[in-house]
């Protein structure tokens, strides 16, 4: 994606290496999935050994970081859709 004159820096940094809307949607979906993975499921579902071995995260720090990152990608996508659009 090329930076236009009216594009804020935060939008450009979100998708600087992604050139299509489909690529941006894939990034957002992957971020949502990783955000769900980072919930400390082992602490929530205590007593299930398979949960503790599958979900290795034990605190909320990764989740607290992933929520604003995912939101940043989403609002950047909305800004591009509203203002500049994607290259065809």
Protein backbone atom coordinates (compact mmCIF):
# COMPACT_ATOMS: atom_id res chain seq x y z
CA UNK A 1 0.00 0.00 0.00
CA UNK A 2 1.28 3.44 -0.85
CA UNK A 3 0.99 6.31 1.58
CA UNK A 4 -1.18 9.16 0.35
CA UNK A 5 -0.91 12.76 1.50
CA UNK A 6 -3.99 12.61 3.71
CA UNK A 7 -3.28 9.16 5.21
CA UNK A 8 -2.38 9.26 8.92
CA UNK A 9 0.84 7.57 9.96
CA UNK A 10 -1.02 5.11 12.24
CA UNK A 11 -3.01 3.81 9.26
CA UNK A 12 0.05 3.49 7.07
CA UNK A 13 1.98 1.61 9.77
CA UNK A 14 -0.87 -0.86 10.26
CA UNK A 15 -0.89 -2.03 6.64
CA UNK A 16 2.40 -0.81 5.14
CA UNK A 17 3.32 -4.24 3.80
CA UNK A 18 -0.22 -5.32 2.85
CA UNK A 19 -1.50 -4.24 -0.54
CA UNK A 20 -5.03 -5.66 -0.67
CA UNK A 21 -8.16 -5.54 1.46
CA UNK A 22 -8.21 -9.35 1.49
CA UNK A 23 -4.73 -9.38 3.03
CA UNK A 24 -5.83 -6.87 5.67
CA UNK A 25 -8.88 -9.01 6.52
CA UNK A 26 -6.66 -12.08 6.87
CA UNK A 27 -4.42 -10.15 9.27
CA UNK A 28 -7.42 -8.99 11.32
CA UNK A 29 -8.89 -12.51 11.49
CA UNK A 30 -5.54 -13.93 12.57
CA UNK A 31 -5.29 -11.24 15.24
CA UNK A 32 -8.78 -12.08 16.53
CA UNK A 33 -7.92 -15.78 16.69
CA UNK A 34 -4.66 -15.11 18.49
CA UNK A 35 -6.48 -12.76 20.88
CA UNK A 36 -8.88 -15.58 21.75
CA UNK A 37 -5.94 -17.95 22.20
CA UNK A 38 -4.26 -15.57 24.63
CA UNK A 39 -7.10 -15.73 27.13
CA UNK A 40 -5.65 -17.69 30.08
CA UNK A 41 -7.95 -20.66 29.57
CA UNK A 42 -5.90 -22.85 31.92
CA UNK A 43 -6.86 -20.62 34.84
CA UNK A 44 -10.49 -20.31 33.78
CA UNK A 45 -11.04 -24.02 33.12
CA UNK A 46 -9.08 -25.37 36.07
CA UNK A 47 -9.05 -29.13 36.50
CA UNK A 48 -8.75 -29.96 32.81
CA UNK A 49 -5.18 -31.07 32.13
CA UNK A 50 -5.58 -30.99 28.35
CA UNK A 51 -6.50 -27.29 28.50
CA UNK A 52 -3.31 -26.48 30.42
CA UNK A 53 -1.20 -28.37 27.87
CA UNK A 54 -2.91 -26.81 24.84
CA UNK A 55 -3.16 -23.22 26.09
CA UNK A 56 0.21 -22.33 27.61
CA UNK A 57 -0.57 -18.74 28.58
CA UNK A 58 -1.20 -18.29 32.28
CA UNK A 59 -1.78 -14.53 32.67
CA UNK A 60 -3.69 -11.73 30.98
CA UNK A 61 -0.68 -9.77 29.66
CA UNK A 62 -0.81 -11.11 26.09
CA UNK A 63 -4.57 -10.62 25.93
CA UNK A 64 -4.21 -7.05 27.21
CA UNK A 65 -1.75 -6.36 24.40
CA UNK A 66 -3.67 -8.10 21.61
CA UNK A 67 -7.01 -6.35 22.15
CA UNK A 68 -5.71 -2.84 21.29
CA UNK A 69 -3.61 -4.18 18.40
CA UNK A 70 -6.63 -5.91 16.87
CA UNK A 71 -8.71 -2.76 17.38
CA UNK A 72 -5.95 -0.70 15.72
CA UNK A 73 -6.01 -2.96 12.64
CA UNK A 74 -9.80 -2.79 12.50
CA UNK A 75 -10.04 1.02 12.72
CA UNK A 76 -7.22 1.34 10.17
CA UNK A 77 -9.19 -0.86 7.78
CA UNK A 78 -12.28 1.28 8.31
CA UNK A 79 -10.25 4.44 7.63
CA UNK A 80 -8.88 3.06 4.38
CA UNK A 81 -12.31 1.86 3.27
CA UNK A 82 -13.81 5.28 3.95
CA UNK A 83 -11.06 7.51 2.57
CA UNK A 84 -8.63 6.03 0.07
CA UNK A 85 -9.72 2.54 -0.79
CA UNK A 86 -7.47 -0.27 -1.87
CA UNK A 87 -5.42 -0.66 -5.02
CA UNK A 88 -7.02 -2.92 -7.60
